[in-house]
Amino acid sequence: MLIINRRAYHDYQILETLEAGIVLAGQEVKSVKLGQMSLKGSYVVIKNGETWLINASISPYKMAGLLPEYNPTQTRKLLLRRKEIISLIGKSKTKGLTLLPLKVYTKRSKIKVLIGLGKGKKKYDKRAEIKEREIKRKIAMALKSRMIR
């Protein structure tokens, strides 16, 4: 696992996931494999039957030298099958659903992006989730301290 969009998991309830390829330049591939990518504030858009990753930042590869025309937050094309794109178009038109990049990872030397179809959480949902997580943590710590004795 190279990059995880933790904010997406916190702010959205992920209903469905889909794996996509991404079009990158050579030096961008090296940067991503070094983990120099940020998915913070990024999202996926479908335009003219193609999927695009917007606002994902890939830092320039330091060993590539000067890249005067390089834009780290440029729009990048995602590679999906036609049927997958058509199903995403139908699902994303539903009110309140958003396409988000969740993870970036390598699979057989190819870089893949895990796209999620998410529905925004309300503030009270987020609070309830945090409270539940803390309760589970306290229970685990109590069980652990009992086993040590």
N, C-alpha and C. Protein backbone atom coordinates (compact mmCIF):
# COMPACT_ATOMS: atom_id res chain seq x y z
N MET A 1 0.85 -1.17 0.00
CA MET A 1 0.00 0.00 0.00
C MET A 1 0.90 1.23 0.00
N LEU A 2 0.72 2.09 -0.96
CA LEU A 2 1.55 3.27 -1.03
C LEU A 2 0.91 4.49 -0.37
N ILE A 3 -0.27 4.90 -0.85
CA ILE A 3 -0.91 6.10 -0.35
C ILE A 3 -2.36 5.78 0.01
N ILE A 4 -2.82 6.27 1.17
CA ILE A 4 -4.20 6.07 1.61
C ILE A 4 -4.84 7.43 1.86
N ASN A 5 -6.06 7.61 1.39
CA ASN A 5 -6.81 8.85 1.61
C ASN A 5 -7.66 8.67 2.87
N ARG A 6 -7.07 8.91 4.03
CA ARG A 6 -7.76 8.70 5.30
C ARG A 6 -8.94 9.66 5.47
N ARG A 7 -8.82 10.83 4.92
CA ARG A 7 -9.88 11.83 5.03
C ARG A 7 -11.17 11.35 4.37
N ALA A 8 -11.03 10.65 3.25
CA ALA A 8 -12.21 10.14 2.54
C ALA A 8 -12.95 9.13 3.40
N TYR A 9 -12.21 8.27 4.10
CA TYR A 9 -12.85 7.27 4.96
C TYR A 9 -13.54 7.95 6.15
N HIS A 10 -13.01 9.08 6.59
CA HIS A 10 -13.59 9.80 7.73
C HIS A 10 -14.84 10.58 7.32
N ASP A 11 -14.79 11.24 6.16
CA ASP A 11 -15.87 12.12 5.74
C ASP A 11 -16.98 11.44 4.95
N TYR A 12 -16.71 10.26 4.40
CA TYR A 12 -17.69 9.60 3.53
C TYR A 12 -17.92 8.16 3.96
N GLN A 13 -19.13 7.70 3.72
CA GLN A 13 -19.45 6.28 3.88
C GLN A 13 -19.25 5.65 2.50
N ILE A 14 -18.30 4.76 2.38
CA ILE A 14 -17.95 4.16 1.09
C ILE A 14 -18.92 3.03 0.79
N LEU A 15 -19.66 3.17 -0.31
CA LEU A 15 -20.67 2.19 -0.68
C LEU A 15 -20.13 1.12 -1.63
N GLU A 16 -19.22 1.51 -2.52
CA GLU A 16 -18.71 0.60 -3.54
C GLU A 16 -17.31 1.03 -3.93
N THR A 17 -16.45 0.07 -4.29
CA THR A 17 -15.10 0.40 -4.73
C THR A 17 -14.83 -0.20 -6.10
N LEU A 18 -13.85 0.40 -6.78
CA LEU A 18 -13.50 -0.01 -8.14
C LEU A 18 -12.02 0.28 -8.36
N GLU A 19 -11.32 -0.62 -9.03
CA GLU A 19 -9.89 -0.44 -9.28
C GLU A 19 -9.68 0.15 -10.67
N ALA A 20 -8.81 1.16 -10.76
CA ALA A 20 -8.54 1.82 -12.04
C ALA A 20 -7.04 2.01 -12.21
N GLY A 21 -6.61 2.02 -13.45
CA GLY A 21 -5.23 2.37 -13.76
C GLY A 21 -5.12 3.88 -13.84
N ILE A 22 -3.91 4.40 -13.88
CA ILE A 22 -3.71 5.84 -13.97
C ILE A 22 -2.60 6.13 -14.98
N VAL A 23 -2.78 7.18 -15.76
CA VAL A 23 -1.79 7.57 -16.76
C VAL A 23 -0.82 8.54 -16.11
N LEU A 24 0.46 8.15 -16.07
CA LEU A 24 1.50 8.97 -15.45
C LEU A 24 2.71 9.07 -16.36
N ALA A 25 3.49 10.13 -16.18
CA ALA A 25 4.77 10.26 -16.87
C ALA A 25 5.80 9.43 -16.11
N GLY A 26 6.95 9.18 -16.72
CA GLY A 26 7.97 8.32 -16.12
C GLY A 26 8.46 8.79 -14.78
N GLN A 27 8.74 10.09 -14.65
CA GLN A 27 9.24 10.60 -13.38
C GLN A 27 8.14 10.62 -12.33
N GLU A 28 6.88 10.72 -12.74
CA GLU A 28 5.77 10.68 -11.79
C GLU A 28 5.63 9.28 -11.19
N VAL A 29 5.87 8.26 -12.00
CA VAL A 29 5.80 6.87 -11.52
C VAL A 29 6.81 6.66 -10.41
N LYS A 30 8.01 7.16 -10.60
CA LYS A 30 9.04 7.01 -9.58
C LYS A 30 8.68 7.75 -8.30
N SER A 31 8.10 8.94 -8.44
CA SER A 31 7.68 9.69 -7.26
C SER A 31 6.59 8.96 -6.49
N VAL A 32 5.61 8.40 -7.22
CA VAL A 32 4.52 7.70 -6.56
C VAL A 32 5.04 6.45 -5.85
N LYS A 33 5.95 5.74 -6.48
CA LYS A 33 6.50 4.54 -5.85
C LYS A 33 7.30 4.87 -4.60
N LEU A 34 7.81 6.10 -4.51
CA LEU A 34 8.50 6.54 -3.30
C LEU A 34 7.52 7.09 -2.26
N GLY A 35 6.22 7.13 -2.61
CA GLY A 35 5.21 7.60 -1.68
C GLY A 35 5.04 9.10 -1.65
N GLN A 36 5.50 9.81 -2.68
CA GLN A 36 5.44 11.27 -2.71
C GLN A 36 4.20 11.75 -3.46
N MET A 37 3.05 11.28 -2.99
CA MET A 37 1.78 11.66 -3.59
C MET A 37 0.79 11.96 -2.48
N SER A 38 -0.10 12.91 -2.73
CA SER A 38 -1.12 13.26 -1.75
C SER A 38 -2.49 13.23 -2.42
N LEU A 39 -3.44 12.55 -1.78
CA LEU A 39 -4.81 12.48 -2.29
C LEU A 39 -5.72 13.45 -1.54
N LYS A 40 -5.15 14.28 -0.70
CA LYS A 40 -5.94 15.21 0.11
C LYS A 40 -6.67 16.20 -0.80
N GLY A 41 -7.98 16.24 -0.67
CA GLY A 41 -8.79 17.18 -1.45
C GLY A 41 -9.01 16.76 -2.90
N SER A 42 -8.63 15.55 -3.25
CA SER A 42 -8.79 15.12 -4.64
C SER A 42 -10.13 14.40 -4.83
N TYR A 43 -10.57 14.35 -6.08
CA TYR A 43 -11.83 13.70 -6.41
C TYR A 43 -11.78 13.21 -7.86
N VAL A 44 -12.77 12.42 -8.24
CA VAL A 44 -12.83 11.84 -9.58
C VAL A 44 -14.03 12.42 -10.31
N VAL A 45 -13.82 12.78 -11.58
CA VAL A 45 -14.87 13.36 -12.41
C VAL A 45 -14.97 12.55 -13.70
N ILE A 46 -16.18 12.43 -14.22
CA ILE A 46 -16.38 11.77 -15.51
C ILE A 46 -16.76 12.83 -16.54
N LYS A 47 -15.90 13.01 -17.57
CA LYS A 47 -16.15 13.97 -18.64
C LYS A 47 -16.02 13.26 -19.98
N ASN A 48 -17.01 13.43 -20.82
CA ASN A 48 -16.99 12.87 -22.18
C ASN A 48 -16.68 11.38 -22.20
N GLY A 49 -17.22 10.64 -21.25
CA GLY A 49 -17.02 9.20 -21.22
C GLY A 49 -15.66 8.76 -20.72
N GLU A 50 -14.89 9.67 -20.12
CA GLU A 50 -13.58 9.34 -19.57
C GLU A 50 -13.53 9.78 -18.11
N THR A 51 -12.77 9.05 -17.30
CA THR A 51 -12.64 9.40 -15.89
C THR A 51 -11.32 10.15 -15.65
N TRP A 52 -11.39 11.17 -14.81
CA TRP A 52 -10.23 12.01 -14.54
C TRP A 52 -10.04 12.18 -13.04
N LEU A 53 -8.80 12.13 -12.61
CA LEU A 53 -8.43 12.37 -11.21
C LEU A 53 -8.00 13.83 -11.10
N ILE A 54 -8.71 14.58 -10.27
CA ILE A 54 -8.47 16.02 -10.17
C ILE A 54 -7.92 16.34 -8.78
N ASN A 55 -6.94 17.23 -8.76
CA ASN A 55 -6.38 17.79 -7.52
C ASN A 55 -5.49 16.84 -6.73
N ALA A 56 -5.07 15.73 -7.30
CA ALA A 56 -4.11 14.86 -6.62
C ALA A 56 -2.71 15.42 -6.88
N SER A 57 -1.92 15.52 -5.85
CA SER A 57 -0.61 16.15 -5.97
C SER A 57 0.50 15.10 -5.98
N ILE A 58 1.34 15.14 -7.02
CA ILE A 58 2.51 14.27 -7.10
C ILE A 58 3.74 15.16 -7.12
N SER A 59 4.57 15.04 -6.10
CA SER A 59 5.78 15.86 -6.02
C SER A 59 6.74 15.49 -7.15
N PRO A 60 7.50 16.47 -7.65
CA PRO A 60 8.46 16.15 -8.70
C PRO A 60 9.56 15.22 -8.18
N TYR A 61 10.00 14.30 -9.04
CA TYR A 61 11.05 13.36 -8.68
C TYR A 61 12.37 14.12 -8.60
N LYS A 62 13.03 14.02 -7.45
CA LYS A 62 14.23 14.83 -7.22
C LYS A 62 15.39 14.50 -8.15
N MET A 63 15.50 13.25 -8.56
CA MET A 63 16.62 12.83 -9.41
C MET A 63 16.38 13.17 -10.89
N ALA A 64 15.19 13.68 -11.25
CA ALA A 64 14.87 13.98 -12.64
C ALA A 64 15.44 15.32 -13.09
N GLY A 65 15.94 16.10 -12.18
CA GLY A 65 16.49 17.40 -12.55
C GLY A 65 15.39 18.45 -12.57
N LEU A 66 15.67 19.58 -13.24
CA LEU A 66 14.70 20.67 -13.30
C LEU A 66 13.59 20.34 -14.30
N LEU A 67 12.37 20.52 -13.86
CA LEU A 67 11.20 20.32 -14.71
C LEU A 67 10.39 21.62 -14.70
N PRO A 68 10.74 22.58 -15.56
CA PRO A 68 10.12 23.91 -15.48
C PRO A 68 8.62 23.93 -15.78
N GLU A 69 8.13 23.06 -16.61
CA GLU A 69 6.72 23.06 -17.00
C GLU A 69 5.87 22.08 -16.19
N TYR A 70 6.43 21.48 -15.16
CA TYR A 70 5.71 20.45 -14.41
C TYR A 70 4.72 21.06 -13.43
N ASN A 71 3.49 20.57 -13.47
CA ASN A 71 2.43 20.99 -12.55
C ASN A 71 2.06 19.80 -11.66
N PRO A 72 2.36 19.85 -10.36
CA PRO A 72 2.13 18.69 -9.50
C PRO A 72 0.66 18.33 -9.32
N THR A 73 -0.26 19.28 -9.49
CA THR A 73 -1.68 18.99 -9.28
C THR A 73 -2.46 18.90 -10.59
N GLN A 74 -1.79 18.58 -11.67
CA GLN A 74 -2.49 18.51 -12.96
C GLN A 74 -3.52 17.37 -12.98
N THR A 75 -4.48 17.48 -13.86
CA THR A 75 -5.52 16.47 -14.01
C THR A 75 -4.93 15.24 -14.69
N ARG A 76 -5.23 14.05 -14.14
CA ARG A 76 -4.68 12.80 -14.69
C ARG A 76 -5.80 11.86 -15.07
N LYS A 77 -5.62 11.18 -16.18
CA LYS A 77 -6.64 10.28 -16.70
C LYS A 77 -6.61 8.94 -15.96
N LEU A 78 -7.79 8.43 -15.64
CA LEU A 78 -7.92 7.10 -15.03
C LEU A 78 -8.42 6.13 -16.08
N LEU A 79 -7.91 4.92 -16.04
CA LEU A 79 -8.23 3.92 -17.05
C LEU A 79 -9.22 2.91 -16.50
N LEU A 80 -10.42 2.91 -17.09
CA LEU A 80 -11.48 1.98 -16.72
C LEU A 80 -12.11 1.41 -17.99
N ARG A 81 -12.80 0.30 -17.84
CA ARG A 81 -13.54 -0.27 -18.97
C ARG A 81 -14.80 0.54 -19.21
N ARG A 82 -15.28 0.51 -20.45
CA ARG A 82 -16.46 1.27 -20.84
C ARG A 82 -17.67 0.94 -19.96
N LYS A 83 -17.90 -0.35 -19.68
CA LYS A 83 -19.04 -0.77 -18.85
C LYS A 83 -18.93 -0.18 -17.44
N GLU A 84 -17.70 -0.16 -16.90
CA GLU A 84 -17.50 0.39 -15.56
C GLU A 84 -17.81 1.89 -15.53
N ILE A 85 -17.38 2.60 -16.58
CA ILE A 85 -17.63 4.04 -16.65
C ILE A 85 -19.13 4.31 -16.75
N ILE A 86 -19.84 3.53 -17.57
CA ILE A 86 -21.28 3.72 -17.73
C ILE A 86 -22.00 3.48 -16.41
N SER A 87 -21.60 2.43 -15.68
CA SER A 87 -22.25 2.17 -14.38
C SER A 87 -21.93 3.28 -13.38
N LEU A 88 -20.71 3.82 -13.42
CA LEU A 88 -20.36 4.92 -12.52
C LEU A 88 -21.14 6.19 -12.84
N ILE A 89 -21.39 6.44 -14.14
CA ILE A 89 -22.16 7.62 -14.53
C ILE A 89 -23.55 7.54 -13.92
N GLY A 90 -24.18 6.37 -14.03
CA GLY A 90 -25.52 6.20 -13.48
C GLY A 90 -25.55 6.35 -11.97
N LYS A 91 -24.56 5.78 -11.29
CA LYS A 91 -24.54 5.82 -9.82
C LYS A 91 -24.16 7.20 -9.29
N SER A 92 -23.25 7.89 -9.98
CA SER A 92 -22.80 9.20 -9.48
C SER A 92 -23.86 10.28 -9.69
N LYS A 93 -24.82 10.07 -10.57
CA LYS A 93 -25.90 11.05 -10.76
C LYS A 93 -26.92 10.99 -9.63
N THR A 94 -26.88 9.92 -8.84
CA THR A 94 -27.74 9.83 -7.68
C THR A 94 -27.36 10.93 -6.70
N LYS A 95 -28.36 11.56 -6.12
CA LYS A 95 -28.11 12.71 -5.24
C LYS A 95 -27.25 12.32 -4.04
N GLY A 96 -26.21 13.10 -3.81
CA GLY A 96 -25.38 12.91 -2.64
C GLY A 96 -24.24 11.93 -2.78
N LEU A 97 -24.04 11.31 -3.95
CA LEU A 97 -22.95 10.36 -4.12
C LEU A 97 -21.77 11.02 -4.84
N THR A 98 -20.57 10.71 -4.40
CA THR A 98 -19.35 11.30 -4.92
C THR A 98 -18.34 10.22 -5.25
N LEU A 99 -17.53 10.45 -6.27
CA LEU A 99 -16.43 9.54 -6.62
C LEU A 99 -15.15 10.07 -6.00
N LEU A 100 -14.48 9.21 -5.22
CA LEU A 100 -13.28 9.61 -4.49
C LEU A 100 -12.14 8.62 -4.70
N PRO A 101 -10.90 9.10 -4.79
CA PRO A 101 -9.77 8.17 -4.76
C PRO A 101 -9.49 7.77 -3.32
N LEU A 102 -9.43 6.47 -3.06
CA LEU A 102 -9.24 5.97 -1.69
C LEU A 102 -7.81 5.57 -1.42
N LYS A 103 -7.22 4.81 -2.36
CA LYS A 103 -5.86 4.30 -2.18
C LYS A 103 -5.13 4.32 -3.51
N VAL A 104 -3.82 4.42 -3.44
CA VAL A 104 -2.95 4.25 -4.60
C VAL A 104 -1.95 3.18 -4.22
N TYR A 105 -1.80 2.16 -5.08
CA TYR A 105 -0.91 1.05 -4.77
C TYR A 105 -0.38 0.44 -6.07
N THR A 106 0.60 -0.45 -5.93
CA THR A 106 1.15 -1.13 -7.10
C THR A 106 0.58 -2.54 -7.17
N LYS A 107 0.38 -2.98 -8.39
CA LYS A 107 -0.12 -4.33 -8.64
C LYS A 107 0.57 -4.82 -9.91
N ARG A 108 1.45 -5.81 -9.73
CA ARG A 108 2.25 -6.33 -10.83
C ARG A 108 2.97 -5.21 -11.58
N SER A 109 3.66 -4.37 -10.87
CA SER A 109 4.46 -3.25 -11.36
C SER A 109 3.64 -2.15 -12.03
N LYS A 110 2.33 -2.20 -11.95
CA LYS A 110 1.46 -1.14 -12.46
C LYS A 110 0.93 -0.36 -11.26
N ILE A 111 0.71 0.92 -11.44
CA ILE A 111 0.15 1.73 -10.37
C ILE A 111 -1.35 1.79 -10.54
N LYS A 112 -2.07 1.45 -9.48
CA LYS A 112 -3.53 1.39 -9.51
C LYS A 112 -4.11 2.37 -8.49
N VAL A 113 -5.33 2.84 -8.78
CA VAL A 113 -6.06 3.73 -7.88
C VAL A 113 -7.36 3.04 -7.51
N LEU A 114 -7.65 2.97 -6.22
CA LEU A 114 -8.91 2.41 -5.76
C LEU A 114 -9.90 3.57 -5.64
N ILE A 115 -10.96 3.53 -6.47
CA ILE A 115 -11.97 4.58 -6.49
C ILE A 115 -13.15 4.12 -5.65
N GLY A 116 -13.68 5.00 -4.86
CA GLY A 116 -14.84 4.67 -4.04
C GLY A 116 -16.02 5.56 -4.36
N LEU A 117 -17.20 4.97 -4.33
CA LEU A 117 -18.43 5.72 -4.47
C LEU A 117 -18.92 5.99 -3.06
N GLY A 118 -18.88 7.26 -2.65
CA GLY A 118 -19.15 7.57 -1.26
C GLY A 118 -20.31 8.53 -1.07
N LYS A 119 -20.93 8.40 0.09
CA LYS A 119 -22.00 9.30 0.50
C LYS A 119 -21.52 10.04 1.73
N GLY A 120 -21.63 11.36 1.73
CA GLY A 120 -21.13 12.18 2.83
C GLY A 120 -21.77 11.84 4.15
N LYS A 121 -20.94 11.79 5.21
CA LYS A 121 -21.44 11.53 6.56
C LYS A 121 -21.87 12.85 7.20
N LYS A 122 -22.84 12.75 8.06
CA LYS A 122 -23.25 13.91 8.86
C LYS A 122 -22.31 14.03 10.05
N LYS A 123 -22.33 15.18 10.69
CA LYS A 123 -21.42 15.43 11.81
C LYS A 123 -21.68 14.45 12.95
N TYR A 124 -22.95 14.15 13.22
CA TYR A 124 -23.26 13.23 14.33
C TYR A 124 -22.83 11.80 14.00
N ASP A 125 -22.80 11.43 12.71
CA ASP A 125 -22.30 10.11 12.33
C ASP A 125 -20.80 10.00 12.64
N LYS A 126 -20.07 11.06 12.34
CA LYS A 126 -18.63 11.06 12.60
C LYS A 126 -18.35 10.96 14.10
N ARG A 127 -19.13 11.71 14.89
CA ARG A 127 -18.95 11.67 16.35
C ARG A 127 -19.23 10.28 16.91
N ALA A 128 -20.30 9.68 16.42
CA ALA A 128 -20.67 8.33 16.89
C ALA A 128 -19.57 7.33 16.55
N GLU A 129 -18.99 7.46 15.35
CA GLU A 129 -17.92 6.55 14.93
C GLU A 129 -16.69 6.71 15.82
N ILE A 130 -16.33 7.94 16.14
CA ILE A 130 -15.17 8.21 17.00
C ILE A 130 -15.42 7.64 18.41
N LYS A 131 -16.63 7.85 18.93
CA LYS A 131 -16.98 7.36 20.26
C LYS A 131 -16.90 5.83 20.31
N GLU A 132 -17.43 5.18 19.27
CA GLU A 132 -17.41 3.71 19.20
C GLU A 132 -15.97 3.19 19.15
N ARG A 133 -15.12 3.87 18.39
CA ARG A 133 -13.72 3.47 18.28
C ARG A 133 -13.01 3.60 19.63
N GLU A 134 -13.29 4.68 20.37
CA GLU A 134 -12.67 4.87 21.69
C GLU A 134 -13.13 3.81 22.68
N ILE A 135 -14.41 3.45 22.63
CA ILE A 135 -14.94 2.41 23.53
C ILE A 135 -14.25 1.08 23.24
N LYS A 136 -14.11 0.73 21.97
CA LYS A 136 -13.43 -0.52 21.60
C LYS A 136 -11.98 -0.51 22.08
N ARG A 137 -11.32 0.64 21.97
CA ARG A 137 -9.94 0.76 22.41
C ARG A 137 -9.82 0.55 23.92
N LYS A 138 -10.76 1.14 24.68
CA LYS A 138 -10.75 0.99 26.14
C LYS A 138 -10.99 -0.47 26.55
N ILE A 139 -11.92 -1.12 25.86
CA ILE A 139 -12.20 -2.53 26.16
C ILE A 139 -10.97 -3.38 25.88
N ALA A 140 -10.31 -3.13 24.76
CA ALA A 140 -9.11 -3.89 24.41
C ALA A 140 -8.00 -3.68 25.44
N MET A 141 -7.85 -2.44 25.89
CA MET A 141 -6.82 -2.16 26.90
C MET A 141 -7.15 -2.83 28.22
N ALA A 142 -8.43 -2.85 28.59
CA ALA A 142 -8.84 -3.49 29.85
C ALA A 142 -8.60 -4.99 29.77
N LEU A 143 -8.93 -5.60 28.67
CA LEU A 143 -8.69 -7.05 28.50
C LEU A 143 -7.20 -7.36 28.53
N LYS A 144 -6.42 -6.50 27.91
CA LYS A 144 -4.98 -6.70 27.86
C LYS A 144 -4.38 -6.59 29.27
N SER A 145 -4.84 -5.62 30.06
CA SER A 145 -4.30 -5.46 31.41
C SER A 145 -4.72 -6.63 32.32
N ARG A 146 -5.88 -7.20 32.10
CA ARG A 146 -6.31 -8.36 32.88
C ARG A 146 -5.47 -9.60 32.56
N MET A 147 -5.10 -9.75 31.29
CA MET A 147 -4.31 -10.91 30.87
C MET A 147 -2.89 -10.81 31.41
N ILE A 148 -2.38 -9.63 31.58
CA ILE A 148 -1.02 -9.47 32.07
C ILE A 148 -0.94 -9.90 33.53
N ARG A 149 -1.95 -9.66 34.33
CA ARG A 149 -1.94 -9.99 35.75
C ARG A 149 -1.97 -11.44 35.99
